[in-house]
Amino acid sequence: MPQIDVNQLNQAKANVTLTQELLTKAIEKANSDPTLAQEAIKQASNEISSALSAVTQVQNTTQTQQTAE
């Protein structure tokens, strides 16, 4: 049975939570401060990339473990 790296998944979850906060900020500032909204979107994009990377790493590790069994 493959081992799942819960720490990696928790990191991905934290990235997603931060993404939600950043996107909310971007929506709130869209009209009043487009520059700040754009920066929040950029940061959200980075967090999404980090979350995807963590999930992909966990997925690849579990697939490798399954193949080895």
C-alpha atoms as a PDB file:
ATOM      1  CA  MET A   1       0.000   0.000   0.000  1.00  0.00           C
ATOM      2  CA  PRO A   2       1.524   3.335  -1.043  1.00  0.00           C
ATOM      3  CA  GLN A   3       2.455   5.915   1.564  1.00  0.00           C
ATOM      4  CA  ILE A   4       0.894   9.331   1.023  1.00  0.00           C
ATOM      5  CA  ASP A   5       2.918  12.352   2.108  1.00  0.00           C
ATOM      6  CA  VAL A   6       0.357  14.173   4.218  1.00  0.00           C
ATOM      7  CA  ASN A   7       2.749  17.075   4.768  1.00  0.00           C
ATOM      8  CA  GLN A   8       2.866  17.717   1.016  1.00  0.00           C
ATOM      9  CA  LEU A   9      -0.918  17.584   0.835  1.00  0.00           C
ATOM     10  CA  ASN A  10      -1.228  19.967   3.777  1.00  0.00           C
ATOM     11  CA  GLN A  11       1.156  22.336   1.985  1.00  0.00           C
ATOM     12  CA  ALA A  12      -1.008  22.158  -1.129  1.00  0.00           C
ATOM     13  CA  LYS A  13      -4.088  22.860   0.980  1.00  0.00           C
ATOM     14  CA  ALA A  14      -2.382  25.901   2.507  1.00  0.00           C
ATOM     15  CA  ASN A  15      -1.481  27.126  -0.983  1.00  0.00           C
ATOM     16  CA  VAL A  16      -5.100  26.789  -2.075  1.00  0.00           C
ATOM     17  CA  THR A  17      -6.350  28.645   1.011  1.00  0.00           C
ATOM     18  CA  LEU A  18      -3.922  31.484   0.341  1.00  0.00           C
ATOM     19  CA  THR A  19      -5.018  31.511  -3.299  1.00  0.00           C
ATOM     20  CA  GLN A  20      -8.631  31.979  -2.218  1.00  0.00           C
ATOM     21  CA  GLU A  21      -7.645  34.897   0.012  1.00  0.00           C
ATOM     22  CA  LEU A  22      -5.586  36.521  -2.731  1.00  0.00           C
ATOM     23  CA  LEU A  23      -8.369  36.157  -5.294  1.00  0.00           C
ATOM     24  CA  THR A  24     -10.869  37.654  -2.860  1.00  0.00           C
ATOM     25  CA  LYS A  25      -8.493  40.586  -2.386  1.00  0.00           C
ATOM     26  CA  ALA A  26      -8.129  40.954  -6.154  1.00  0.00           C
ATOM     27  CA  ILE A  27     -11.906  41.020  -6.593  1.00  0.00           C
ATOM     28  CA  GLU A  28     -12.329  43.589  -3.831  1.00  0.00           C
ATOM     29  CA  LYS A  29      -9.597  45.851  -5.244  1.00  0.00           C
ATOM     30  CA  ALA A  30     -10.397  45.371  -8.945  1.00  0.00           C
ATOM     31  CA  ASN A  31     -12.026  48.788  -9.334  1.00  0.00           C
ATOM     32  CA  SER A  32     -10.313  50.843  -6.639  1.00  0.00           C
ATOM     33  CA  ASP A  33      -6.716  49.650  -7.056  1.00  0.00           C
ATOM     34  CA  PRO A  34      -6.100  47.686 -10.251  1.00  0.00           C
ATOM     35  CA  THR A  35      -2.348  47.520  -9.596  1.00  0.00           C
ATOM     36  CA  LEU A  36      -2.890  45.850  -6.222  1.00  0.00           C
ATOM     37  CA  ALA A  37      -5.484  43.552  -7.760  1.00  0.00           C
ATOM     38  CA  GLN A  38      -3.029  42.539 -10.487  1.00  0.00           C
ATOM     39  CA  GLU A  39      -0.325  41.794  -7.892  1.00  0.00           C
ATOM     40  CA  ALA A  40      -2.777  39.654  -5.906  1.00  0.00           C
ATOM     41  CA  ILE A  41      -3.635  37.744  -9.080  1.00  0.00           C
ATOM     42  CA  LYS A  42       0.048  37.184  -9.787  1.00  0.00           C
ATOM     43  CA  GLN A  43       0.621  35.883  -6.254  1.00  0.00           C
ATOM     44  CA  ALA A  44      -2.472  33.665  -6.524  1.00  0.00           C
ATOM     45  CA  SER A  45      -1.101  32.198  -9.728  1.00  0.00           C
ATOM     46  CA  ASN A  46       2.173  31.373  -7.964  1.00  0.00           C
ATOM     47  CA  GLU A  47       0.277  29.688  -5.126  1.00  0.00           C
ATOM     48  CA  ILE A  48      -1.717  27.613  -7.603  1.00  0.00           C
ATOM     49  CA  SER A  49       1.531  26.495  -9.225  1.00  0.00           C
ATOM     50  CA  SER A  50       2.959  25.536  -5.833  1.00  0.00           C
ATOM     51  CA  ALA A  51      -0.170  23.592  -4.899  1.00  0.00           C
ATOM     52  CA  LEU A  52      -0.170  21.757  -8.212  1.00  0.00           C
ATOM     53  CA  SER A  53       3.499  20.920  -7.807  1.00  0.00           C
ATOM     54  CA  ALA A  54       2.945  19.477  -4.330  1.00  0.00           C
ATOM     55  CA  VAL A  55      -0.032  17.391  -5.450  1.00  0.00           C
ATOM     56  CA  THR A  56       1.825  16.156  -8.528  1.00  0.00           C
ATOM     57  CA  GLN A  57       4.781  15.161  -6.375  1.00  0.00           C
ATOM     58  CA  VAL A  58       2.537  13.148  -4.055  1.00  0.00           C
ATOM     59  CA  GLN A  59       0.791  11.551  -7.021  1.00  0.00           C
ATOM     60  CA  ASN A  60       4.072  10.609  -8.689  1.00  0.00           C
ATOM     61  CA  THR A  61       5.439   9.151  -5.461  1.00  0.00           C
ATOM     62  CA  THR A  62       2.364   6.998  -4.879  1.00  0.00           C
ATOM     63  CA  GLN A  63       2.391   5.800  -8.488  1.00  0.00           C
ATOM     64  CA  THR A  64       6.074   4.890  -8.182  1.00  0.00           C
ATOM     65  CA  GLN A  65       5.366   3.007  -4.963  1.00  0.00           C
ATOM     66  CA  GLN A  66       2.496   1.111  -6.582  1.00  0.00           C
ATOM     67  CA  THR A  67       4.694   0.130  -9.511  1.00  0.00           C
ATOM     68  CA  ALA A  68       7.399  -1.127  -7.136  1.00  0.00           C
ATOM     69  CA  GLU A  69       4.960  -3.360  -5.247  1.00  0.00           C
END
